[in-house]
Amino acid sequence: MKTGIEIIADERQRQKEVEGFTASHDAEHSAGELAMAAMCYAMEPCWRPAEMAPLGWPWCSCDPKDGFRPSPDNRIKELAKAGALIAAEIDRLQNLKQ
């Protein structure tokens, strides 16, 4: 069985390879958007609306690529998305120091 950090690392890799959310893409989000998106995925499903992005979702949900895509029947997958978004925000901030 994989550990939480391994699951998060796999999700971050998937975000880069499948979604195209690379470091250069992430650099465009300098107003805390990645952390806000992570918060939305980390939020318990009972606290967010069923048919729309939760309050705090940083992007227009009318664009499917930027839309909120929960996995309500797979809490681990949602938390992996949240963790991967936090990792992306940390990397973005680290890259600012270079």
PDB file of N, CA and C in Angstrom:
ATOM      1  N   MET A   1       0.836  -1.175   0.000  1.00  0.00           N
ATOM      2  CA  MET A   1       0.000   0.000   0.000  1.00  0.00           C
ATOM      3  C   MET A   1       0.891   1.253   0.000  1.00  0.00           C
ATOM      4  N   LYS A   2       0.509   2.222  -0.843  1.00  0.00           N
ATOM      5  CA  LYS A   2       1.265   3.464  -0.927  1.00  0.00           C
ATOM      6  C   LYS A   2       0.977   4.352   0.273  1.00  0.00           C
ATOM      7  N   THR A   3       1.966   5.150   0.636  1.00  0.00           N
ATOM      8  CA  THR A   3       1.789   6.141   1.689  1.00  0.00           C
ATOM      9  C   THR A   3       1.105   7.377   1.115  1.00  0.00           C
ATOM     10  N   GLY A   4       0.643   8.236   2.003  1.00  0.00           N
ATOM     11  CA  GLY A   4       0.010   9.471   1.563  1.00  0.00           C
ATOM     12  C   GLY A   4       0.924  10.311   0.697  1.00  0.00           C
ATOM     13  N   ILE A   5       2.176  10.427   1.081  1.00  0.00           N
ATOM     14  CA  ILE A   5       3.101  11.270   0.305  1.00  0.00           C
ATOM     15  C   ILE A   5       3.352  10.676  -1.075  1.00  0.00           C
ATOM     16  N   GLU A   6       3.354   9.359  -1.176  1.00  0.00           N
ATOM     17  CA  GLU A   6       3.514   8.716  -2.488  1.00  0.00           C
ATOM     18  C   GLU A   6       2.295   8.963  -3.374  1.00  0.00           C
ATOM     19  N   ILE A   7       1.117   8.903  -2.776  1.00  0.00           N
ATOM     20  CA  ILE A   7      -0.112   9.161  -3.523  1.00  0.00           C
ATOM     21  C   ILE A   7      -0.143  10.610  -4.008  1.00  0.00           C
ATOM     22  N   ILE A   8       0.263  11.529  -3.154  1.00  0.00           N
ATOM     23  CA  ILE A   8       0.318  12.945  -3.527  1.00  0.00           C
ATOM     24  C   ILE A   8       1.345  13.163  -4.641  1.00  0.00           C
ATOM     25  N   ALA A   9       2.514  12.540  -4.534  1.00  0.00           N
ATOM     26  CA  ALA A   9       3.545  12.679  -5.568  1.00  0.00           C
ATOM     27  C   ALA A   9       3.045  12.140  -6.907  1.00  0.00           C
ATOM     28  N   ASP A  10       2.354  11.021  -6.880  1.00  0.00           N
ATOM     29  CA  ASP A  10       1.782  10.469  -8.111  1.00  0.00           C
ATOM     30  C   ASP A  10       0.773  11.431  -8.724  1.00  0.00           C
ATOM     31  N   GLU A  11      -0.072  12.038  -7.890  1.00  0.00           N
ATOM     32  CA  GLU A  11      -1.063  12.987  -8.392  1.00  0.00           C
ATOM     33  C   GLU A  11      -0.384  14.225  -8.967  1.00  0.00           C
ATOM     34  N   ARG A  12       0.657  14.705  -8.320  1.00  0.00           N
ATOM     35  CA  ARG A  12       1.373  15.876  -8.842  1.00  0.00           C
ATOM     36  C   ARG A  12       1.983  15.556 -10.197  1.00  0.00           C
ATOM     37  N   GLN A  13       2.547  14.367 -10.324  1.00  0.00           N
ATOM     38  CA  GLN A  13       3.117  13.952 -11.606  1.00  0.00           C
ATOM     39  C   GLN A  13       2.020  13.871 -12.675  1.00  0.00           C
ATOM     40  N   ARG A  14       0.858  13.343 -12.311  1.00  0.00           N
ATOM     41  CA  ARG A  14      -0.261  13.266 -13.245  1.00  0.00           C
ATOM     42  C   ARG A  14      -0.704  14.669 -13.678  1.00  0.00           C
ATOM     43  N   GLN A  15      -0.749  15.599 -12.716  1.00  0.00           N
ATOM     44  CA  GLN A  15      -1.132  16.964 -13.049  1.00  0.00           C
ATOM     45  C   GLN A  15      -0.182  17.562 -14.087  1.00  0.00           C
ATOM     46  N   LYS A  16       1.091  17.285 -13.940  1.00  0.00           N
ATOM     47  CA  LYS A  16       2.080  17.811 -14.892  1.00  0.00           C
ATOM     48  C   LYS A  16       1.946  17.139 -16.255  1.00  0.00           C
ATOM     49  N   GLU A  17       1.923  15.817 -16.266  1.00  0.00           N
ATOM     50  CA  GLU A  17       1.966  15.067 -17.519  1.00  0.00           C
ATOM     51  C   GLU A  17       0.635  15.056 -18.265  1.00  0.00           C
ATOM     52  N   VAL A  18      -0.461  14.921 -17.552  1.00  0.00           N
ATOM     53  CA  VAL A  18      -1.769  14.790 -18.198  1.00  0.00           C
ATOM     54  C   VAL A  18      -2.447  16.149 -18.364  1.00  0.00           C
ATOM     55  N   GLU A  19      -2.435  16.948 -17.314  1.00  0.00           N
ATOM     56  CA  GLU A  19      -3.138  18.234 -17.330  1.00  0.00           C
ATOM     57  C   GLU A  19      -2.280  19.371 -17.882  1.00  0.00           C
ATOM     58  N   GLY A  20      -0.965  19.186 -17.919  1.00  0.00           N
ATOM     59  CA  GLY A  20      -0.078  20.234 -18.399  1.00  0.00           C
ATOM     60  C   GLY A  20       0.184  21.326 -17.382  1.00  0.00           C
ATOM     61  N   PHE A  21      -0.047  21.018 -16.098  1.00  0.00           N
ATOM     62  CA  PHE A  21       0.148  21.997 -15.033  1.00  0.00           C
ATOM     63  C   PHE A  21       1.607  21.963 -14.566  1.00  0.00           C
ATOM     64  N   THR A  22       2.466  22.500 -15.402  1.00  0.00           N
ATOM     65  CA  THR A  22       3.912  22.509 -15.162  1.00  0.00           C
ATOM     66  C   THR A  22       4.296  23.714 -14.310  1.00  0.00           C
ATOM     67  N   ALA A  23       5.578  23.792 -13.982  1.00  0.00           N
ATOM     68  CA  ALA A  23       6.074  24.916 -13.189  1.00  0.00           C
ATOM     69  C   ALA A  23       5.812  26.248 -13.894  1.00  0.00           C
ATOM     70  N   SER A  24       5.974  26.287 -15.209  1.00  0.00           N
ATOM     71  CA  SER A  24       5.727  27.550 -15.926  1.00  0.00           C
ATOM     72  C   SER A  24       4.243  27.911 -15.893  1.00  0.00           C
ATOM     73  N   HIS A  25       3.374  26.924 -15.963  1.00  0.00           N
ATOM     74  CA  HIS A  25       1.933  27.182 -15.825  1.00  0.00           C
ATOM     75  C   HIS A  25       1.629  27.684 -14.421  1.00  0.00           C
ATOM     76  N   ASP A  26       2.169  27.007 -13.414  1.00  0.00           N
ATOM     77  CA  ASP A  26       1.906  27.378 -12.026  1.00  0.00           C
ATOM     78  C   ASP A  26       2.403  28.779 -11.699  1.00  0.00           C
ATOM     79  N   ALA A  27       3.483  29.205 -12.365  1.00  0.00           N
ATOM     80  CA  ALA A  27       4.047  30.535 -12.117  1.00  0.00           C
ATOM     81  C   ALA A  27       3.054  31.642 -12.461  1.00  0.00           C
ATOM     82  N   GLU A  28       2.085  31.340 -13.323  1.00  0.00           N
ATOM     83  CA  GLU A  28       1.079  32.325 -13.706  1.00  0.00           C
ATOM     84  C   GLU A  28       0.072  32.599 -12.585  1.00  0.00           C
ATOM     85  N   HIS A  29       0.067  31.757 -11.573  1.00  0.00           N
ATOM     86  CA  HIS A  29      -0.921  31.871 -10.488  1.00  0.00           C
ATOM     87  C   HIS A  29      -0.248  32.406  -9.221  1.00  0.00           C
ATOM     88  N   SER A  30      -0.103  33.711  -9.185  1.00  0.00           N
ATOM     89  CA  SER A  30       0.668  34.341  -8.113  1.00  0.00           C
ATOM     90  C   SER A  30      -0.193  34.971  -7.018  1.00  0.00           C
ATOM     91  N   ALA A  31      -1.496  34.731  -7.062  1.00  0.00           N
ATOM     92  CA  ALA A  31      -2.391  35.355  -6.075  1.00  0.00           C
ATOM     93  C   ALA A  31      -2.978  34.327  -5.110  1.00  0.00           C
ATOM     94  N   GLY A  32      -2.277  33.220  -4.931  1.00  0.00           N
ATOM     95  CA  GLY A  32      -2.734  32.213  -3.986  1.00  0.00           C
ATOM     96  C   GLY A  32      -3.741  31.227  -4.551  1.00  0.00           C
ATOM     97  N   GLU A  33      -3.908  31.222  -5.874  1.00  0.00           N
ATOM     98  CA  GLU A  33      -4.915  30.369  -6.486  1.00  0.00           C
ATOM     99  C   GLU A  33      -4.684  28.880  -6.226  1.00  0.00           C
ATOM    100  N   LEU A  34      -3.435  28.450  -6.276  1.00  0.00           N
ATOM    101  CA  LEU A  34      -3.152  27.020  -6.077  1.00  0.00           C
ATOM    102  C   LEU A  34      -3.537  26.582  -4.668  1.00  0.00           C
ATOM    103  N   ALA A  35      -3.217  27.410  -3.690  1.00  0.00           N
ATOM    104  CA  ALA A  35      -3.579  27.084  -2.304  1.00  0.00           C
ATOM    105  C   ALA A  35      -5.091  27.121  -2.104  1.00  0.00           C
ATOM    106  N   MET A  36      -5.761  28.063  -2.753  1.00  0.00           N
ATOM    107  CA  MET A  36      -7.218  28.132  -2.644  1.00  0.00           C
ATOM    108  C   MET A  36      -7.877  26.902  -3.265  1.00  0.00           C
ATOM    109  N   ALA A  37      -7.365  26.468  -4.405  1.00  0.00           N
ATOM    110  CA  ALA A  37      -7.899  25.259  -5.043  1.00  0.00           C
ATOM    111  C   ALA A  37      -7.670  24.050  -4.145  1.00  0.00           C
ATOM    112  N   ALA A  38      -6.509  23.986  -3.515  1.00  0.00           N
ATOM    113  CA  ALA A  38      -6.219  22.888  -2.582  1.00  0.00           C
ATOM    114  C   ALA A  38      -7.224  22.881  -1.440  1.00  0.00           C
ATOM    115  N   MET A  39      -7.538  24.057  -0.932  1.00  0.00           N
ATOM    116  CA  MET A  39      -8.510  24.165   0.155  1.00  0.00           C
ATOM    117  C   MET A  39      -9.863  23.593  -0.270  1.00  0.00           C
ATOM    118  N   CYS A  40     -10.256  23.881  -1.502  1.00  0.00           N
ATOM    119  CA  CYS A  40     -11.557  23.403  -1.988  1.00  0.00           C
ATOM    120  C   CYS A  40     -11.602  21.886  -2.074  1.00  0.00           C
ATOM    121  N   TYR A  41     -10.523  21.267  -2.510  1.00  0.00           N
ATOM    122  CA  TYR A  41     -10.485  19.807  -2.569  1.00  0.00           C
ATOM    123  C   TYR A  41     -10.358  19.189  -1.177  1.00  0.00           C
ATOM    124  N   ALA A  42      -9.703  19.883  -0.272  1.00  0.00           N
ATOM    125  CA  ALA A  42      -9.548  19.360   1.085  1.00  0.00           C
ATOM    126  C   ALA A  42     -10.834  19.468   1.895  1.00  0.00           C
ATOM    127  N   MET A  43     -11.703  20.372   1.492  1.00  0.00           N
ATOM    128  CA  MET A  43     -12.962  20.587   2.204  1.00  0.00           C
ATOM    129  C   MET A  43     -13.813  19.312   2.167  1.00  0.00           C
ATOM    130  N   GLU A  44     -14.403  18.983   3.295  1.00  0.00           N
ATOM    131  CA  GLU A  44     -15.313  17.834   3.359  1.00  0.00           C
ATOM    132  C   GLU A  44     -16.456  18.040   2.371  1.00  0.00           C
ATOM    133  N   PRO A  45     -16.839  17.008   1.624  1.00  0.00           N
ATOM    134  CA  PRO A  45     -17.911  17.160   0.636  1.00  0.00           C
ATOM    135  C   PRO A  45     -19.214  17.717   1.201  1.00  0.00           C
ATOM    136  N   CYS A  46     -19.531  17.430   2.443  1.00  0.00           N
ATOM    137  CA  CYS A  46     -20.783  17.940   3.009  1.00  0.00           C
ATOM    138  C   CYS A  46     -20.767  19.457   3.176  1.00  0.00           C
ATOM    139  N   TRP A  47     -19.612  20.100   3.078  1.00  0.00           N
ATOM    140  CA  TRP A  47     -19.492  21.547   3.237  1.00  0.00           C
ATOM    141  C   TRP A  47     -19.465  22.291   1.914  1.00  0.00           C
ATOM    142  N   ARG A  48     -19.550  21.573   0.802  1.00  0.00           N
ATOM    143  CA  ARG A  48     -19.504  22.251  -0.488  1.00  0.00           C
ATOM    144  C   ARG A  48     -20.736  21.906  -1.309  1.00  0.00           C
ATOM    145  N   PRO A  49     -21.128  22.816  -2.210  1.00  0.00           N
ATOM    146  CA  PRO A  49     -22.313  22.569  -3.026  1.00  0.00           C
ATOM    147  C   PRO A  49     -22.108  21.375  -3.954  1.00  0.00           C
ATOM    148  N   ALA A  50     -23.175  20.655  -4.228  1.00  0.00           N
ATOM    149  CA  ALA A  50     -23.066  19.438  -5.025  1.00  0.00           C
ATOM    150  C   ALA A  50     -22.869  19.722  -6.514  1.00  0.00           C
ATOM    151  N   GLU A  51     -23.457  20.746  -7.034  1.00  0.00           N
ATOM    152  CA  GLU A  51     -23.478  20.963  -8.481  1.00  0.00           C
ATOM    153  C   GLU A  51     -22.572  22.100  -8.967  1.00  0.00           C
ATOM    154  N   MET A  52     -21.767  22.637  -8.095  1.00  0.00           N
ATOM    155  CA  MET A  52     -20.930  23.755  -8.516  1.00  0.00           C
ATOM    156  C   MET A  52     -19.662  23.808  -7.671  1.00  0.00           C
ATOM    157  N   ALA A  53     -18.721  24.617  -8.103  1.00  0.00           N
ATOM    158  CA  ALA A  53     -17.488  24.792  -7.345  1.00  0.00           C
ATOM    159  C   ALA A  53     -17.795  25.460  -6.012  1.00  0.00           C
ATOM    160  N   PRO A  54     -17.067  25.092  -4.960  1.00  0.00           N
ATOM    161  CA  PRO A  54     -17.302  25.715  -3.664  1.00  0.00           C
ATOM    162  C   PRO A  54     -16.820  27.165  -3.635  1.00  0.00           C
ATOM    163  N   LEU A  55     -17.352  27.905  -2.687  1.00  0.00           N
ATOM    164  CA  LEU A  55     -16.899  29.270  -2.465  1.00  0.00           C
ATOM    165  C   LEU A  55     -15.393  29.224  -2.216  1.00  0.00           C
ATOM    166  N   GLY A  56     -14.665  30.038  -2.919  1.00  0.00           N
ATOM    167  CA  GLY A  56     -13.219  30.045  -2.792  1.00  0.00           C
ATOM    168  C   GLY A  56     -12.521  29.430  -3.988  1.00  0.00           C
ATOM    169  N   TRP A  57     -13.267  28.747  -4.864  1.00  0.00           N
ATOM    170  CA  TRP A  57     -12.632  28.184  -6.066  1.00  0.00           C
ATOM    171  C   TRP A  57     -12.099  29.342  -6.895  1.00  0.00           C
ATOM    172  N   PRO A  58     -10.798  29.338  -7.214  1.00  0.00           N
ATOM    173  CA  PRO A  58     -10.184  30.533  -7.784  1.00  0.00           C
ATOM    174  C   PRO A  58     -10.364  30.751  -9.283  1.00  0.00           C
ATOM    175  N   TRP A  59     -10.930  29.788  -9.987  1.00  0.00           N
ATOM    176  CA  TRP A  59     -11.024  29.924 -11.439  1.00  0.00           C
ATOM    177  C   TRP A  59     -12.458  29.802 -11.913  1.00  0.00           C
ATOM    178  N   CYS A  60     -12.709  30.319 -13.077  1.00  0.00           N
ATOM    179  CA  CYS A  60     -14.034  30.248 -13.691  1.00  0.00           C
ATOM    180  C   CYS A  60     -14.371  28.790 -13.992  1.00  0.00           C
ATOM    181  N   SER A  61     -15.433  28.306 -13.411  1.00  0.00           N
ATOM    182  CA  SER A  61     -15.822  26.913 -13.619  1.00  0.00           C
ATOM    183  C   SER A  61     -16.433  26.673 -14.996  1.00  0.00           C
ATOM    184  N   CYS A  62     -16.596  27.704 -15.795  1.00  0.00           N
ATOM    185  CA  CYS A  62     -17.136  27.505 -17.140  1.00  0.00           C
ATOM    186  C   CYS A  62     -16.073  26.951 -18.081  1.00  0.00           C
ATOM    187  N   ASP A  63     -14.817  27.020 -17.713  1.00  0.00           N
ATOM    188  CA  ASP A  63     -13.738  26.426 -18.498  1.00  0.00           C
ATOM    189  C   ASP A  63     -13.470  25.034 -17.935  1.00  0.00           C
ATOM    190  N   PRO A  64     -13.742  23.972 -18.697  1.00  0.00           N
ATOM    191  CA  PRO A  64     -13.600  22.609 -18.163  1.00  0.00           C
ATOM    192  C   PRO A  64     -12.201  22.312 -17.612  1.00  0.00           C
ATOM    193  N   LYS A  65     -11.159  22.903 -18.203  1.00  0.00           N
ATOM    194  CA  LYS A  65      -9.811  22.633 -17.714  1.00  0.00           C
ATOM    195  C   LYS A  65      -9.583  23.253 -16.340  1.00  0.00           C
ATOM    196  N   ASP A  66     -10.220  24.373 -16.090  1.00  0.00           N
ATOM    197  CA  ASP A  66     -10.056  25.048 -14.807  1.00  0.00           C
ATOM    198  C   ASP A  66     -11.188  24.744 -13.835  1.00  0.00           C
ATOM    199  N   GLY A  67     -12.130  23.947 -14.256  1.00  0.00           N
ATOM    200  CA  GLY A  67     -13.285  23.653 -13.431  1.00  0.00           C
ATOM    201  C   GLY A  67     -12.965  22.749 -12.253  1.00  0.00           C
ATOM    202  N   PHE A  68     -13.760  22.873 -11.254  1.00  0.00           N
ATOM    203  CA  PHE A  68     -13.655  22.038 -10.059  1.00  0.00           C
ATOM    204  C   PHE A  68     -14.149  20.644 -10.421  1.00  0.00           C
ATOM    205  N   ARG A  69     -13.297  19.647 -10.238  1.00  0.00           N
ATOM    206  CA  ARG A  69     -13.641  18.271 -10.586  1.00  0.00           C
ATOM    207  C   ARG A  69     -13.476  17.372  -9.358  1.00  0.00           C
ATOM    208  N   PRO A  70     -14.456  17.375  -8.490  1.00  0.00           N
ATOM    209  CA  PRO A  70     -14.351  16.561  -7.278  1.00  0.00           C
ATOM    210  C   PRO A  70     -14.504  15.077  -7.585  1.00  0.00           C
ATOM    211  N   SER A  71     -14.112  14.279  -6.642  1.00  0.00           N
ATOM    212  CA  SER A  71     -14.289  12.824  -6.689  1.00  0.00           C
ATOM    213  C   SER A  71     -15.001  12.434  -5.397  1.00  0.00           C
ATOM    214  N   PRO A  72     -16.288  12.746  -5.296  1.00  0.00           N
ATOM    215  CA  PRO A  72     -16.987  12.593  -4.019  1.00  0.00           C
ATOM    216  C   PRO A  72     -17.008  11.171  -3.462  1.00  0.00           C
ATOM    217  N   ASP A  73     -16.828  10.193  -4.322  1.00  0.00           N
ATOM    218  CA  ASP A  73     -16.809   8.806  -3.846  1.00  0.00           C
ATOM    219  C   ASP A  73     -15.399   8.303  -3.562  1.00  0.00           C
ATOM    220  N   ASN A  74     -14.414   9.199  -3.670  1.00  0.00           N
ATOM    221  CA  ASN A  74     -13.027   8.794  -3.436  1.00  0.00           C
ATOM    222  C   ASN A  74     -12.312   9.922  -2.685  1.00  0.00           C
ATOM    223  N   ARG A  75     -12.453   9.916  -1.381  1.00  0.00           N
ATOM    224  CA  ARG A  75     -11.890  10.980  -0.539  1.00  0.00           C
ATOM    225  C   ARG A  75     -10.371  11.030  -0.644  1.00  0.00           C
ATOM    226  N   ILE A  76      -9.745   9.871  -0.785  1.00  0.00           N
ATOM    227  CA  ILE A  76      -8.282   9.870  -0.905  1.00  0.00           C
ATOM    228  C   ILE A  76      -7.849  10.604  -2.173  1.00  0.00           C
ATOM    229  N   LYS A  77      -8.566  10.402  -3.270  1.00  0.00           N
ATOM    230  CA  LYS A  77      -8.230  11.100  -4.517  1.00  0.00           C
ATOM    231  C   LYS A  77      -8.374  12.611  -4.347  1.00  0.00           C
ATOM    232  N   GLU A  78      -9.428  13.044  -3.675  1.00  0.00           N
ATOM    233  CA  GLU A  78      -9.600  14.483  -3.449  1.00  0.00           C
ATOM    234  C   GLU A  78      -8.470  15.042  -2.594  1.00  0.00           C
ATOM    235  N   LEU A  79      -8.093  14.329  -1.554  1.00  0.00           N
ATOM    236  CA  LEU A  79      -7.001  14.799  -0.692  1.00  0.00           C
ATOM    237  C   LEU A  79      -5.667  14.774  -1.424  1.00  0.00           C
ATOM    238  N   ALA A  80      -5.501  13.815  -2.334  1.00  0.00           N
ATOM    239  CA  ALA A  80      -4.280  13.778  -3.149  1.00  0.00           C
ATOM    240  C   ALA A  80      -4.215  15.011  -4.054  1.00  0.00           C
ATOM    241  N   LYS A  81      -5.344  15.388  -4.636  1.00  0.00           N
ATOM    242  CA  LYS A  81      -5.388  16.605  -5.455  1.00  0.00           C
ATOM    243  C   LYS A  81      -5.012  17.814  -4.600  1.00  0.00           C
ATOM    244  N   ALA A  82      -5.570  17.887  -3.401  1.00  0.00           N
ATOM    245  CA  ALA A  82      -5.263  19.006  -2.504  1.00  0.00           C
ATOM    246  C   ALA A  82      -3.775  19.036  -2.167  1.00  0.00           C
ATOM    247  N   GLY A  83      -3.235  17.892  -1.811  1.00  0.00           N
ATOM    248  CA  GLY A  83      -1.810  17.821  -1.472  1.00  0.00           C
ATOM    249  C   GLY A  83      -0.917  18.185  -2.639  1.00  0.00           C
ATOM    250  N   ALA A  84      -1.287  17.733  -3.843  1.00  0.00           N
ATOM    251  CA  ALA A  84      -0.493  18.041  -5.029  1.00  0.00           C
ATOM    252  C   ALA A  84      -0.548  19.533  -5.348  1.00  0.00           C
ATOM    253  N   LEU A  85      -1.695  20.149  -5.134  1.00  0.00           N
ATOM    254  CA  LEU A  85      -1.803  21.596  -5.347  1.00  0.00           C
ATOM    255  C   LEU A  85      -0.971  22.366  -4.329  1.00  0.00           C
ATOM    256  N   ILE A  86      -0.936  21.903  -3.100  1.00  0.00           N
ATOM    257  CA  ILE A  86      -0.080  22.543  -2.088  1.00  0.00           C
ATOM    258  C   ILE A  86       1.387  22.391  -2.492  1.00  0.00           C
ATOM    259  N   ALA A  87       1.762  21.201  -2.949  1.00  0.00           N
ATOM    260  CA  ALA A  87       3.145  20.987  -3.403  1.00  0.00           C
ATOM    261  C   ALA A  87       3.477  21.927  -4.561  1.00  0.00           C
ATOM    262  N   ALA A  88       2.537  22.101  -5.477  1.00  0.00           N
ATOM    263  CA  ALA A  88       2.751  23.009  -6.604  1.00  0.00           C
ATOM    264  C   ALA A  88       2.944  24.445  -6.121  1.00  0.00           C
ATOM    265  N   GLU A  89       2.160  24.852  -5.134  1.00  0.00           N
ATOM    266  CA  GLU A  89       2.302  26.218  -4.594  1.00  0.00           C
ATOM    267  C   GLU A  89       3.640  26.382  -3.878  1.00  0.00           C
ATOM    268  N   ILE A  90       4.058  25.377  -3.140  1.00  0.00           N
ATOM    269  CA  ILE A  90       5.369  25.437  -2.482  1.00  0.00           C
ATOM    270  C   ILE A  90       6.468  25.551  -3.531  1.00  0.00           C
ATOM    271  N   ASP A  91       6.396  24.728  -4.580  1.00  0.00           N
ATOM    272  CA  ASP A  91       7.400  24.791  -5.645  1.00  0.00           C
ATOM    273  C   ASP A  91       7.395  26.167  -6.311  1.00  0.00           C
ATOM    274  N   ARG A  92       6.213  26.714  -6.543  1.00  0.00           N
ATOM    275  CA  ARG A  92       6.117  28.040  -7.168  1.00  0.00           C
ATOM    276  C   ARG A  92       6.812  29.090  -6.312  1.00  0.00           C
ATOM    277  N   LEU A  93       6.560  29.036  -5.011  1.00  0.00           N
ATOM    278  CA  LEU A  93       7.193  29.989  -4.094  1.00  0.00           C
ATOM    279  C   LEU A  93       8.699  29.781  -4.022  1.00  0.00           C
ATOM    280  N   GLN A  94       9.121  28.534  -4.019  1.00  0.00           N
ATOM    281  CA  GLN A  94      10.568  28.242  -4.008  1.00  0.00           C
ATOM    282  C   GLN A  94      11.237  28.774  -5.260  1.00  0.00           C
ATOM    283  N   ASN A  95      10.566  28.653  -6.408  1.00  0.00           N
ATOM    284  CA  ASN A  95      11.140  29.134  -7.665  1.00  0.00           C
ATOM    285  C   ASN A  95      11.283  30.651  -7.690  1.00  0.00           C
ATOM    286  N   LEU A  96      10.482  31.352  -6.913  1.00  0.00           N
ATOM    287  CA  LEU A  96      10.613  32.813  -6.842  1.00  0.00           C
ATOM    288  C   LEU A  96      11.931  33.223  -6.193  1.00  0.00           C
ATOM    289  N   LYS A  97      12.478  32.362  -5.358  1.00  0.00           N
ATOM    290  CA  LYS A  97      13.726  32.665  -4.651  1.00  0.00           C
ATOM    291  C   LYS A  97      14.955  32.500  -5.539  1.00  0.00           C
ATOM    292  N   GLN A  98      14.774  31.840  -6.665  1.00  0.00           N
ATOM    293  CA  GLN A  98      15.928  31.559  -7.553  1.00  0.00           C
ATOM    294  C   GLN A  98      16.210  32.695  -8.478  1.00  0.00           C
TER     295      GLN A  98
END
